[in-house]
Amino acid sequence: MSTPLTLAGSAISLAVLYANVRTMHKAKWEPKVIGPFAIHFTLGALATVCIGGLLGFLAGCTVQAANGTGKRAVPGATGTDSGALASGSMGSLSPEGGVVVFLLTVALALAWKASSKEIKKRAAGGLFCGATLCATAGVANLLSGLPSVANGIGTAARAALEGQGIL
């Protein structure tokens, strides 16, 4: 992704993250509360490595939206300027990993349609935080194994579809 997150944009992303973590804490860390945020955070993070595709484009737009909002909100509240943060990348997807991300996107889009308003809010927060925070060098480095997991799942699925390793 070529759009770096600014310090003010990261403040917006961290505010959204805090609002979601606070909700999870109040719900005593129940999986049904954590799940929608976590799985959509994962998709948002994986979208940052979908270079050249719609998911990568939307991740870049999400970073630009966070930067634009932060550019107005943070200096408006504090009177300070904001600079860009060091950007990073989690790696790359293989064709098999791309299929896994595509299928995850389809599954979550279908689940979105059937979800309640509260779950949709948590899911949107997860997508936003995943796409924006993974544009930074620190979080991208922390989650650098995530594309490898998608690639590995895709490779295993391809081998099963091709009949490799079966008797």
Foldseek 3Di string as FASTA:
>chain_A
DPAFAKPLLVVQLVVLVVVLVVVCVVVVNDCVSVVLLVLLLLLLQQLCQPPPDPSVVVLNVLSVVSRVVSQCPVCVVVVDGIGTAAFDALDHADPLLVVLSVVSVVVVVVVLVVDDPSSVSSNVSSNSSSSNVCRHHVVSPVCSCSNVVSNVVSVVVVCVVVVHPPD
